[in-house]
């Protein structure tokens, strides 16, 4: 059995998106809405915590930080994007490629932090 290297990604999310992840047995992200052309997982937990706590709670009443593993070789196609400071790092996955990203998730998506208003 060959094992591939994986990269840990984090995703700050609100309660509606989290329900859709749960409905997919914690193995896939839901399709993007028309106003969401990019799926952006982040590369460090602290950045994900800030978004979930400071943005999702304010807008959705709750924020969650999820963690998941993706095949590193697959992720090489997405350059790391610096969206602000040195530690504000994201991957920008076009909405039309999300199903392919989901196919390269290794294991399950898990909730590692929860914040509520």
C-alpha atoms as a PDB file:
ATOM      1  CA  UNK A   1       0.000   0.000   0.000  1.00  0.00           C
ATOM      2  CA  UNK A   2       1.385   3.366  -1.039  1.00  0.00           C
ATOM      3  CA  UNK A   3       0.784   6.308   1.209  1.00  0.00           C
ATOM      4  CA  UNK A   4       0.963   9.875  -0.002  1.00  0.00           C
ATOM      5  CA  UNK A   5       2.167  12.841   1.990  1.00  0.00           C
ATOM      6  CA  UNK A   6      -0.634  15.058   3.212  1.00  0.00           C
ATOM      7  CA  UNK A   7      -0.894  18.722   4.103  1.00  0.00           C
ATOM      8  CA  UNK A   8      -3.001  19.912   7.017  1.00  0.00           C
ATOM      9  CA  UNK A   9      -5.427  22.684   6.122  1.00  0.00           C
ATOM     10  CA  UNK A  10      -7.867  24.631   8.270  1.00  0.00           C
ATOM     11  CA  UNK A  11     -11.186  26.152   7.300  1.00  0.00           C
ATOM     12  CA  UNK A  12     -13.093  28.705   9.375  1.00  0.00           C
ATOM     13  CA  UNK A  13     -16.783  28.108   8.809  1.00  0.00           C
ATOM     14  CA  UNK A  14     -20.210  29.094   9.994  1.00  0.00           C
ATOM     15  CA  UNK A  15     -23.023  26.813  11.158  1.00  0.00           C
ATOM     16  CA  UNK A  16     -24.761  26.468   7.766  1.00  0.00           C
ATOM     17  CA  UNK A  17     -21.642  25.289   5.946  1.00  0.00           C
ATOM     18  CA  UNK A  18     -20.780  22.997   8.863  1.00  0.00           C
ATOM     19  CA  UNK A  19     -24.195  21.311   8.631  1.00  0.00           C
ATOM     20  CA  UNK A  20     -23.528  20.590   4.935  1.00  0.00           C
ATOM     21  CA  UNK A  21     -20.126  19.095   5.783  1.00  0.00           C
ATOM     22  CA  UNK A  22     -21.787  16.888   8.413  1.00  0.00           C
ATOM     23  CA  UNK A  23     -24.392  15.808   5.828  1.00  0.00           C
ATOM     24  CA  UNK A  24     -21.480  14.735   3.585  1.00  0.00           C
ATOM     25  CA  UNK A  25     -20.252  12.433   6.393  1.00  0.00           C
ATOM     26  CA  UNK A  26     -17.404  14.878   7.199  1.00  0.00           C
ATOM     27  CA  UNK A  27     -15.652  13.994   3.936  1.00  0.00           C
ATOM     28  CA  UNK A  28     -16.420  16.891   1.565  1.00  0.00           C
ATOM     29  CA  UNK A  29     -17.018  20.611   1.343  1.00  0.00           C
ATOM     30  CA  UNK A  30     -20.308  21.759  -0.199  1.00  0.00           C
ATOM     31  CA  UNK A  31     -20.386  23.431  -3.610  1.00  0.00           C
ATOM     32  CA  UNK A  32     -19.814  27.163  -3.553  1.00  0.00           C
ATOM     33  CA  UNK A  33     -22.706  29.565  -3.909  1.00  0.00           C
ATOM     34  CA  UNK A  34     -22.765  31.784  -7.031  1.00  0.00           C
ATOM     35  CA  UNK A  35     -21.270  34.666  -5.045  1.00  0.00           C
ATOM     36  CA  UNK A  36     -18.418  32.416  -3.832  1.00  0.00           C
ATOM     37  CA  UNK A  37     -16.092  31.825  -6.807  1.00  0.00           C
ATOM     38  CA  UNK A  38     -13.253  30.598  -4.599  1.00  0.00           C
ATOM     39  CA  UNK A  39     -12.932  28.057  -1.790  1.00  0.00           C
ATOM     40  CA  UNK A  40     -10.128  29.187   0.469  1.00  0.00           C
ATOM     41  CA  UNK A  41      -8.723  26.878   3.117  1.00  0.00           C
ATOM     42  CA  UNK A  42      -6.020  28.475   5.250  1.00  0.00           C
ATOM     43  CA  UNK A  43      -2.565  27.218   6.140  1.00  0.00           C
ATOM     44  CA  UNK A  44      -2.418  27.931   9.846  1.00  0.00           C
ATOM     45  CA  UNK A  45      -4.691  27.364  12.769  1.00  0.00           C
ATOM     46  CA  UNK A  46      -4.266  30.800  14.369  1.00  0.00           C
ATOM     47  CA  UNK A  47      -5.513  32.561  11.242  1.00  0.00           C
ATOM     48  CA  UNK A  48      -8.507  30.203  11.055  1.00  0.00           C
ATOM     49  CA  UNK A  49      -9.308  30.892  14.719  1.00  0.00           C
ATOM     50  CA  UNK A  50      -9.277  34.655  14.150  1.00  0.00           C
ATOM     51  CA  UNK A  51     -11.711  34.385  11.240  1.00  0.00           C
ATOM     52  CA  UNK A  52     -14.077  31.956  12.996  1.00  0.00           C
ATOM     53  CA  UNK A  53     -14.071  33.906  16.259  1.00  0.00           C
ATOM     54  CA  UNK A  54     -14.072  37.455  14.911  1.00  0.00           C
ATOM     55  CA  UNK A  55     -16.032  37.165  11.659  1.00  0.00           C
ATOM     56  CA  UNK A  56     -18.220  34.037  11.707  1.00  0.00           C
ATOM     57  CA  UNK A  57     -19.519  34.647  15.242  1.00  0.00           C
ATOM     58  CA  UNK A  58     -20.399  38.255  14.373  1.00  0.00           C
ATOM     59  CA  UNK A  59     -22.184  37.310  11.114  1.00  0.00           C
ATOM     60  CA  UNK A  60     -23.556  33.820  11.887  1.00  0.00           C
ATOM     61  CA  UNK A  61     -23.793  33.627  15.683  1.00  0.00           C
ATOM     62  CA  UNK A  62     -21.196  30.840  15.762  1.00  0.00           C
ATOM     63  CA  UNK A  63     -17.853  30.062  14.214  1.00  0.00           C
ATOM     64  CA  UNK A  64     -16.004  26.794  13.852  1.00  0.00           C
ATOM     65  CA  UNK A  65     -12.459  25.897  12.916  1.00  0.00           C
ATOM     66  CA  UNK A  66     -12.150  22.686  10.971  1.00  0.00           C
ATOM     67  CA  UNK A  67      -9.013  20.739  10.166  1.00  0.00           C
ATOM     68  CA  UNK A  68      -8.507  18.339   7.291  1.00  0.00           C
ATOM     69  CA  UNK A  69      -5.747  16.606   5.368  1.00  0.00           C
ATOM     70  CA  UNK A  70      -5.282  16.804   1.605  1.00  0.00           C
ATOM     71  CA  UNK A  71      -2.869  14.978  -0.670  1.00  0.00           C
ATOM     72  CA  UNK A  72       0.175  17.296  -0.853  1.00  0.00           C
ATOM     73  CA  UNK A  73       0.958  16.429  -4.462  1.00  0.00           C
ATOM     74  CA  UNK A  74      -2.538  17.523  -5.520  1.00  0.00           C
ATOM     75  CA  UNK A  75      -2.252  20.818  -3.615  1.00  0.00           C
ATOM     76  CA  UNK A  76       0.928  21.766  -5.482  1.00  0.00           C
ATOM     77  CA  UNK A  77      -1.252  23.230  -8.255  1.00  0.00           C
ATOM     78  CA  UNK A  78      -2.444  26.003  -5.927  1.00  0.00           C
ATOM     79  CA  UNK A  79       0.180  28.620  -5.052  1.00  0.00           C
ATOM     80  CA  UNK A  80       0.074  29.895  -1.495  1.00  0.00           C
ATOM     81  CA  UNK A  81      -1.609  33.300  -1.365  1.00  0.00           C
ATOM     82  CA  UNK A  82      -0.557  35.846   1.249  1.00  0.00           C
ATOM     83  CA  UNK A  83      -3.772  37.698   2.098  1.00  0.00           C
ATOM     84  CA  UNK A  84      -2.294  40.247   4.463  1.00  0.00           C
ATOM     85  CA  UNK A  85       0.414  39.653   7.072  1.00  0.00           C
ATOM     86  CA  UNK A  86       3.119  36.975   6.998  1.00  0.00           C
ATOM     87  CA  UNK A  87       0.889  34.372   8.658  1.00  0.00           C
ATOM     88  CA  UNK A  88      -2.277  35.131   6.670  1.00  0.00           C
ATOM     89  CA  UNK A  89      -1.824  32.362   4.138  1.00  0.00           C
ATOM     90  CA  UNK A  90      -4.541  30.756   2.033  1.00  0.00           C
ATOM     91  CA  UNK A  91      -5.005  28.483  -0.936  1.00  0.00           C
ATOM     92  CA  UNK A  92      -7.444  29.731  -3.555  1.00  0.00           C
ATOM     93  CA  UNK A  93      -9.328  26.835  -5.116  1.00  0.00           C
ATOM     94  CA  UNK A  94     -11.681  27.851  -7.948  1.00  0.00           C
ATOM     95  CA  UNK A  95     -15.254  26.768  -7.199  1.00  0.00           C
ATOM     96  CA  UNK A  96     -15.312  24.524 -10.273  1.00  0.00           C
ATOM     97  CA  UNK A  97     -12.346  22.522  -8.853  1.00  0.00           C
ATOM     98  CA  UNK A  98     -13.827  21.935  -5.387  1.00  0.00           C
ATOM     99  CA  UNK A  99     -15.137  18.435  -6.198  1.00  0.00           C
ATOM    100  CA  UNK A 100     -11.632  17.441  -7.249  1.00  0.00           C
ATOM    101  CA  UNK A 101     -10.186  18.862  -4.031  1.00  0.00           C
ATOM    102  CA  UNK A 102     -12.816  16.907  -2.078  1.00  0.00           C
ATOM    103  CA  UNK A 103     -11.675  13.727  -3.850  1.00  0.00           C
ATOM    104  CA  UNK A 104      -8.157  14.330  -2.493  1.00  0.00           C
ATOM    105  CA  UNK A 105      -9.178  14.805   1.163  1.00  0.00           C
ATOM    106  CA  UNK A 106      -7.577  12.079   3.256  1.00  0.00           C
ATOM    107  CA  UNK A 107      -9.734  11.010   6.196  1.00  0.00           C
ATOM    108  CA  UNK A 108     -12.448  13.209   7.648  1.00  0.00           C
ATOM    109  CA  UNK A 109     -12.946  16.894   8.224  1.00  0.00           C
ATOM    110  CA  UNK A 110     -12.954  17.556  11.956  1.00  0.00           C
ATOM    111  CA  UNK A 111     -14.058  20.463  14.129  1.00  0.00           C
ATOM    112  CA  UNK A 112     -11.189  21.561  16.370  1.00  0.00           C
ATOM    113  CA  UNK A 113     -12.567  24.860  17.797  1.00  0.00           C
ATOM    114  CA  UNK A 114     -16.014  26.310  18.361  1.00  0.00           C
ATOM    115  CA  UNK A 115     -16.957  29.902  19.175  1.00  0.00           C
ATOM    116  CA  UNK A 116     -20.404  31.277  19.981  1.00  0.00           C
ATOM    117  CA  UNK A 117     -21.891  34.721  20.554  1.00  0.00           C
END
